[in-house]
Amino acid sequence: MAALHSKTTHPKPNDWRKEDEPWPIWAALMVFLNALVISGMVWGLPGIVAVMVGAAFFMVVVLILIVSG
């Protein structure tokens, strides 16, 4: 049984970009949604409309920064 355990490989710390999980996309979406929700809670519907363009731009920026490292 010990031989089976010694053959397992664990991912190295620098291999996180090779995974197929779409966590950068979810992180960028959460930044976008947080900005919209906070503006909606503070200023209502006009706040959502006013912040939407800037939030979408920063969502793309955050996504690019996370994916490219």
PDB file of N, CA and C in Angstrom:
ATOM      1  N   MET A   1       0.807  -1.193   0.000  1.00  0.00           N
ATOM      2  CA  MET A   1       0.000   0.000   0.000  1.00  0.00           C
ATOM      3  C   MET A   1       0.854   1.263   0.000  1.00  0.00           C
ATOM      4  N   ALA A   2       1.994   1.200   0.632  1.00  0.00           N
ATOM      5  CA  ALA A   2       2.853   2.385   0.676  1.00  0.00           C
ATOM      6  C   ALA A   2       3.375   2.734  -0.710  1.00  0.00           C
ATOM      7  N   ALA A   3       3.535   1.752  -1.570  1.00  0.00           N
ATOM      8  CA  ALA A   3       4.029   2.007  -2.914  1.00  0.00           C
ATOM      9  C   ALA A   3       3.018   2.811  -3.727  1.00  0.00           C
ATOM     10  N   LEU A   4       1.735   2.594  -3.505  1.00  0.00           N
ATOM     11  CA  LEU A   4       0.723   3.361  -4.225  1.00  0.00           C
ATOM     12  C   LEU A   4       0.722   4.816  -3.787  1.00  0.00           C
ATOM     13  N   HIS A   5       0.918   5.037  -2.527  1.00  0.00           N
ATOM     14  CA  HIS A   5       0.922   6.410  -2.031  1.00  0.00           C
ATOM     15  C   HIS A   5       2.144   7.185  -2.531  1.00  0.00           C
ATOM     16  N   SER A   6       3.263   6.540  -2.697  1.00  0.00           N
ATOM     17  CA  SER A   6       4.470   7.238  -3.118  1.00  0.00           C
ATOM     18  C   SER A   6       4.435   7.607  -4.597  1.00  0.00           C
ATOM     19  N   LYS A   7       3.554   6.987  -5.385  1.00  0.00           N
ATOM     20  CA  LYS A   7       3.471   7.289  -6.810  1.00  0.00           C
ATOM     21  C   LYS A   7       2.558   8.471  -7.125  1.00  0.00           C
ATOM     22  N   THR A   8       1.789   8.912  -6.170  1.00  0.00           N
ATOM     23  CA  THR A   8       0.892  10.030  -6.446  1.00  0.00           C
ATOM     24  C   THR A   8       1.700  11.312  -6.583  1.00  0.00           C
ATOM     25  N   THR A   9       1.278  12.139  -7.498  1.00  0.00           N
ATOM     26  CA  THR A   9       1.970  13.416  -7.711  1.00  0.00           C
ATOM     27  C   THR A   9       1.069  14.541  -7.224  1.00  0.00           C
ATOM     28  N   HIS A  10       1.671  15.502  -6.608  1.00  0.00           N
ATOM     29  CA  HIS A  10       0.957  16.673  -6.129  1.00  0.00           C
ATOM     30  C   HIS A  10       1.361  17.855  -6.994  1.00  0.00           C
ATOM     31  N   PRO A  11       0.430  18.753  -7.278  1.00  0.00           N
ATOM     32  CA  PRO A  11       0.789  19.899  -8.117  1.00  0.00           C
ATOM     33  C   PRO A  11       1.806  20.802  -7.419  1.00  0.00           C
ATOM     34  N   LYS A  12       2.724  21.292  -8.198  1.00  0.00           N
ATOM     35  CA  LYS A  12       3.723  22.214  -7.667  1.00  0.00           C
ATOM     36  C   LYS A  12       3.078  23.591  -7.482  1.00  0.00           C
ATOM     37  N   PRO A  13       3.645  24.441  -6.659  1.00  0.00           N
ATOM     38  CA  PRO A  13       3.043  25.762  -6.432  1.00  0.00           C
ATOM     39  C   PRO A  13       2.930  26.605  -7.697  1.00  0.00           C
ATOM     40  N   ASN A  14       3.797  26.422  -8.674  1.00  0.00           N
ATOM     41  CA  ASN A  14       3.765  27.236  -9.888  1.00  0.00           C
ATOM     42  C   ASN A  14       2.893  26.639 -10.980  1.00  0.00           C
ATOM     43  N   ASP A  15       2.225  25.526 -10.709  1.00  0.00           N
ATOM     44  CA  ASP A  15       1.399  24.880 -11.728  1.00  0.00           C
ATOM     45  C   ASP A  15      -0.059  25.307 -11.675  1.00  0.00           C
ATOM     46  N   TRP A  16      -0.416  26.329 -10.907  1.00  0.00           N
ATOM     47  CA  TRP A  16      -1.813  26.705 -10.776  1.00  0.00           C
ATOM     48  C   TRP A  16      -2.371  27.288 -12.064  1.00  0.00           C
ATOM     49  N   ARG A  17      -1.539  27.842 -12.935  1.00  0.00           N
ATOM     50  CA  ARG A  17      -2.044  28.391 -14.202  1.00  0.00           C
ATOM     51  C   ARG A  17      -2.362  27.302 -15.209  1.00  0.00           C
ATOM     52  N   LYS A  18      -1.864  26.093 -15.007  1.00  0.00           N
ATOM     53  CA  LYS A  18      -2.096  25.007 -15.943  1.00  0.00           C
ATOM     54  C   LYS A  18      -3.419  24.297 -15.699  1.00  0.00           C
ATOM     55  N   GLU A  19      -4.079  24.603 -14.602  1.00  0.00           N
ATOM     56  CA  GLU A  19      -5.350  23.979 -14.307  1.00  0.00           C
ATOM     57  C   GLU A  19      -6.422  24.522 -15.241  1.00  0.00           C
ATOM     58  N   ASP A  20      -7.441  23.731 -15.459  1.00  0.00           N
ATOM     59  CA  ASP A  20      -8.511  24.117 -16.374  1.00  0.00           C
ATOM     60  C   ASP A  20      -9.686  24.779 -15.670  1.00  0.00           C
ATOM     61  N   GLU A  21      -9.517  25.196 -14.443  1.00  0.00           N
ATOM     62  CA  GLU A  21     -10.605  25.820 -13.713  1.00  0.00           C
ATOM     63  C   GLU A  21     -10.743  27.283 -14.128  1.00  0.00           C
ATOM     64  N   PRO A  22     -11.961  27.742 -14.349  1.00  0.00           N
ATOM     65  CA  PRO A  22     -12.172  29.125 -14.819  1.00  0.00           C
ATOM     66  C   PRO A  22     -12.289  30.140 -13.688  1.00  0.00           C
ATOM     67  N   TRP A  23     -11.474  30.012 -12.629  1.00  0.00           N
ATOM     68  CA  TRP A  23     -11.608  30.913 -11.497  1.00  0.00           C
ATOM     69  C   TRP A  23     -11.289  32.371 -11.831  1.00  0.00           C
ATOM     70  N   PRO A  24     -10.412  32.693 -12.795  1.00  0.00           N
ATOM     71  CA  PRO A  24     -10.206  34.123 -13.104  1.00  0.00           C
ATOM     72  C   PRO A  24     -11.454  34.787 -13.658  1.00  0.00           C
ATOM     73  N   ILE A  25     -12.227  34.040 -14.429  1.00  0.00           N
ATOM     74  CA  ILE A  25     -13.452  34.594 -14.985  1.00  0.00           C
ATOM     75  C   ILE A  25     -14.445  34.877 -13.862  1.00  0.00           C
ATOM     76  N   TRP A  26     -14.553  33.959 -12.906  1.00  0.00           N
ATOM     77  CA  TRP A  26     -15.470  34.167 -11.794  1.00  0.00           C
ATOM     78  C   TRP A  26     -15.003  35.322 -10.906  1.00  0.00           C
ATOM     79  N   ALA A  27     -13.713  35.473 -10.737  1.00  0.00           N
ATOM     80  CA  ALA A  27     -13.198  36.583  -9.931  1.00  0.00           C
ATOM     81  C   ALA A  27     -13.521  37.924 -10.584  1.00  0.00           C
ATOM     82  N   ALA A  28     -13.334  38.009 -11.894  1.00  0.00           N
ATOM     83  CA  ALA A  28     -13.638  39.250 -12.602  1.00  0.00           C
ATOM     84  C   ALA A  28     -15.137  39.549 -12.567  1.00  0.00           C
ATOM     85  N   LEU A  29     -15.958  38.524 -12.695  1.00  0.00           N
ATOM     86  CA  LEU A  29     -17.404  38.733 -12.613  1.00  0.00           C
ATOM     87  C   LEU A  29     -17.831  39.199 -11.225  1.00  0.00           C
ATOM     88  N   MET A  30     -17.180  38.680 -10.199  1.00  0.00           N
ATOM     89  CA  MET A  30     -17.532  39.099  -8.844  1.00  0.00           C
ATOM     90  C   MET A  30     -17.156  40.560  -8.596  1.00  0.00           C
ATOM     91  N   VAL A  31     -16.044  41.018  -9.158  1.00  0.00           N
ATOM     92  CA  VAL A  31     -15.678  42.435  -9.031  1.00  0.00           C
ATOM     93  C   VAL A  31     -16.740  43.297  -9.701  1.00  0.00           C
ATOM     94  N   PHE A  32     -17.173  42.898 -10.882  1.00  0.00           N
ATOM     95  CA  PHE A  32     -18.208  43.616 -11.635  1.00  0.00           C
ATOM     96  C   PHE A  32     -19.520  43.655 -10.857  1.00  0.00           C
ATOM     97  N   LEU A  33     -19.943  42.505 -10.354  1.00  0.00           N
ATOM     98  CA  LEU A  33     -21.215  42.437  -9.629  1.00  0.00           C
ATOM     99  C   LEU A  33     -21.161  43.190  -8.312  1.00  0.00           C
ATOM    100  N   ASN A  34     -20.028  43.136  -7.625  1.00  0.00           N
ATOM    101  CA  ASN A  34     -19.902  43.883  -6.372  1.00  0.00           C
ATOM    102  C   ASN A  34     -20.025  45.385  -6.605  1.00  0.00           C
ATOM    103  N   ALA A  35     -19.397  45.879  -7.665  1.00  0.00           N
ATOM    104  CA  ALA A  35     -19.494  47.310  -7.969  1.00  0.00           C
ATOM    105  C   ALA A  35     -20.932  47.694  -8.292  1.00  0.00           C
ATOM    106  N   LEU A  36     -21.636  46.852  -9.046  1.00  0.00           N
ATOM    107  CA  LEU A  36     -23.022  47.169  -9.384  1.00  0.00           C
ATOM    108  C   LEU A  36     -23.935  47.119  -8.164  1.00  0.00           C
ATOM    109  N   VAL A  37     -23.755  46.124  -7.323  1.00  0.00           N
ATOM    110  CA  VAL A  37     -24.612  45.995  -6.140  1.00  0.00           C
ATOM    111  C   VAL A  37     -24.379  47.147  -5.169  1.00  0.00           C
ATOM    112  N   ILE A  38     -23.128  47.495  -4.943  1.00  0.00           N
ATOM    113  CA  ILE A  38     -22.834  48.596  -4.015  1.00  0.00           C
ATOM    114  C   ILE A  38     -23.385  49.915  -4.554  1.00  0.00           C
ATOM    115  N   SER A  39     -23.210  50.167  -5.849  1.00  0.00           N
ATOM    116  CA  SER A  39     -23.755  51.412  -6.413  1.00  0.00           C
ATOM    117  C   SER A  39     -25.274  51.405  -6.387  1.00  0.00           C
ATOM    118  N   GLY A  40     -25.876  50.251  -6.600  1.00  0.00           N
ATOM    119  CA  GLY A  40     -27.330  50.169  -6.528  1.00  0.00           C
ATOM    120  C   GLY A  40     -27.855  50.392  -5.128  1.00  0.00           C
ATOM    121  N   MET A  41     -27.131  49.918  -4.144  1.00  0.00           N
ATOM    122  CA  MET A  41     -27.565  50.111  -2.757  1.00  0.00           C
ATOM    123  C   MET A  41     -27.384  51.559  -2.310  1.00  0.00           C
ATOM    124  N   VAL A  42     -26.380  52.229  -2.840  1.00  0.00           N
ATOM    125  CA  VAL A  42     -26.111  53.600  -2.413  1.00  0.00           C
ATOM    126  C   VAL A  42     -26.958  54.605  -3.195  1.00  0.00           C
ATOM    127  N   TRP A  43     -26.999  54.483  -4.533  1.00  0.00           N
ATOM    128  CA  TRP A  43     -27.649  55.484  -5.366  1.00  0.00           C
ATOM    129  C   TRP A  43     -28.896  54.990  -6.110  1.00  0.00           C
ATOM    130  N   GLY A  44     -29.231  53.728  -5.998  1.00  0.00           N
ATOM    131  CA  GLY A  44     -30.415  53.214  -6.683  1.00  0.00           C
ATOM    132  C   GLY A  44     -30.146  52.929  -8.157  1.00  0.00           C
ATOM    133  N   LEU A  45     -31.191  52.935  -8.953  1.00  0.00           N
ATOM    134  CA  LEU A  45     -31.072  52.611 -10.378  1.00  0.00           C
ATOM    135  C   LEU A  45     -30.159  53.572 -11.145  1.00  0.00           C
ATOM    136  N   PRO A  46     -30.223  54.885 -10.906  1.00  0.00           N
ATOM    137  CA  PRO A  46     -29.271  55.770 -11.605  1.00  0.00           C
ATOM    138  C   PRO A  46     -27.808  55.446 -11.282  1.00  0.00           C
ATOM    139  N   GLY A  47     -27.547  54.973 -10.074  1.00  0.00           N
ATOM    140  CA  GLY A  47     -26.183  54.586  -9.710  1.00  0.00           C
ATOM    141  C   GLY A  47     -25.704  53.372 -10.483  1.00  0.00           C
ATOM    142  N   ILE A  48     -26.608  52.417 -10.669  1.00  0.00           N
ATOM    143  CA  ILE A  48     -26.242  51.224 -11.443  1.00  0.00           C
ATOM    144  C   ILE A  48     -25.895  51.606 -12.868  1.00  0.00           C
ATOM    145  N   VAL A  49     -26.709  52.452 -13.467  1.00  0.00           N
ATOM    146  CA  VAL A  49     -26.474  52.871 -14.849  1.00  0.00           C
ATOM    147  C   VAL A  49     -25.177  53.668 -14.952  1.00  0.00           C
ATOM    148  N   ALA A  50     -24.918  54.535 -13.982  1.00  0.00           N
ATOM    149  CA  ALA A  50     -23.719  55.374 -14.028  1.00  0.00           C
ATOM    150  C   ALA A  50     -22.441  54.571 -13.832  1.00  0.00           C
ATOM    151  N   VAL A  51     -22.497  53.508 -13.068  1.00  0.00           N
ATOM    152  CA  VAL A  51     -21.296  52.748 -12.733  1.00  0.00           C
ATOM    153  C   VAL A  51     -21.060  51.579 -13.681  1.00  0.00           C
ATOM    154  N   MET A  52     -22.050  51.191 -14.468  1.00  0.00           N
ATOM    155  CA  MET A  52     -21.963  49.966 -15.258  1.00  0.00           C
ATOM    156  C   MET A  52     -20.800  49.980 -16.259  1.00  0.00           C
ATOM    157  N   VAL A  53     -20.579  51.070 -16.951  1.00  0.00           N
ATOM    158  CA  VAL A  53     -19.508  51.120 -17.954  1.00  0.00           C
ATOM    159  C   VAL A  53     -18.141  51.008 -17.288  1.00  0.00           C
ATOM    160  N   GLY A  54     -17.935  51.750 -16.232  1.00  0.00           N
ATOM    161  CA  GLY A  54     -16.656  51.681 -15.522  1.00  0.00           C
ATOM    162  C   GLY A  54     -16.421  50.320 -14.891  1.00  0.00           C
ATOM    163  N   ALA A  55     -17.476  49.734 -14.342  1.00  0.00           N
ATOM    164  CA  ALA A  55     -17.342  48.405 -13.731  1.00  0.00           C
ATOM    165  C   ALA A  55     -17.019  47.351 -14.778  1.00  0.00           C
ATOM    166  N   ALA A  56     -17.625  47.439 -15.940  1.00  0.00           N
ATOM    167  CA  ALA A  56     -17.330  46.477 -17.008  1.00  0.00           C
ATOM    168  C   ALA A  56     -15.885  46.630 -17.478  1.00  0.00           C
ATOM    169  N   PHE A  57     -15.410  47.870 -17.586  1.00  0.00           N
ATOM    170  CA  PHE A  57     -14.024  48.104 -17.990  1.00  0.00           C
ATOM    171  C   PHE A  57     -13.057  47.510 -16.969  1.00  0.00           C
ATOM    172  N   PHE A  58     -13.301  47.773 -15.698  1.00  0.00           N
ATOM    173  CA  PHE A  58     -12.409  47.246 -14.666  1.00  0.00           C
ATOM    174  C   PHE A  58     -12.516  45.731 -14.527  1.00  0.00           C
ATOM    175  N   MET A  59     -13.685  45.144 -14.868  1.00  0.00           N
ATOM    176  CA  MET A  59     -13.804  43.692 -14.866  1.00  0.00           C
ATOM    177  C   MET A  59     -12.856  43.096 -15.902  1.00  0.00           C
ATOM    178  N   VAL A  60     -12.793  43.705 -17.071  1.00  0.00           N
ATOM    179  CA  VAL A  60     -11.885  43.220 -18.112  1.00  0.00           C
ATOM    180  C   VAL A  60     -10.431  43.406 -17.681  1.00  0.00           C
ATOM    181  N   VAL A  61     -10.118  44.526 -17.050  1.00  0.00           N
ATOM    182  CA  VAL A  61      -8.756  44.776 -16.583  1.00  0.00           C
ATOM    183  C   VAL A  61      -8.347  43.746 -15.531  1.00  0.00           C
ATOM    184  N   VAL A  62      -9.227  43.482 -14.582  1.00  0.00           N
ATOM    185  CA  VAL A  62      -8.921  42.492 -13.546  1.00  0.00           C
ATOM    186  C   VAL A  62      -8.749  41.107 -14.174  1.00  0.00           C
ATOM    187  N   LEU A  63      -9.588  40.766 -15.125  1.00  0.00           N
ATOM    188  CA  LEU A  63      -9.463  39.467 -15.800  1.00  0.00           C
ATOM    189  C   LEU A  63      -8.133  39.354 -16.530  1.00  0.00           C
ATOM    190  N   ILE A  64      -7.713  40.386 -17.213  1.00  0.00           N
ATOM    191  CA  ILE A  64      -6.439  40.363 -17.928  1.00  0.00           C
ATOM    192  C   ILE A  64      -5.274  40.243 -16.952  1.00  0.00           C
ATOM    193  N   LEU A  65      -5.321  40.987 -15.846  1.00  0.00           N
ATOM    194  CA  LEU A  65      -4.253  40.923 -14.866  1.00  0.00           C
ATOM    195  C   LEU A  65      -4.150  39.544 -14.210  1.00  0.00           C
ATOM    196  N   ILE A  66      -5.287  38.935 -13.928  1.00  0.00           N
ATOM    197  CA  ILE A  66      -5.264  37.628 -13.269  1.00  0.00           C
ATOM    198  C   ILE A  66      -4.785  36.545 -14.224  1.00  0.00           C
ATOM    199  N   VAL A  67      -5.251  36.590 -15.444  1.00  0.00           N
ATOM    200  CA  VAL A  67      -4.880  35.536 -16.403  1.00  0.00           C
ATOM    201  C   VAL A  67      -3.416  35.658 -16.819  1.00  0.00           C
ATOM    202  N   SER A  68      -2.948  36.881 -17.056  1.00  0.00           N
ATOM    203  CA  SER A  68      -1.571  37.041 -17.519  1.00  0.00           C
ATOM    204  C   SER A  68      -0.570  36.957 -16.383  1.00  0.00           C
ATOM    205  N   GLY A  69      -0.993  37.159 -15.179  1.00  0.00           N
ATOM    206  CA  GLY A  69      -0.102  37.040 -14.015  1.00  0.00           C
ATOM    207  C   GLY A  69       0.548  38.309 -13.757  1.00  0.00           C
TER     208      GLY A  69
END
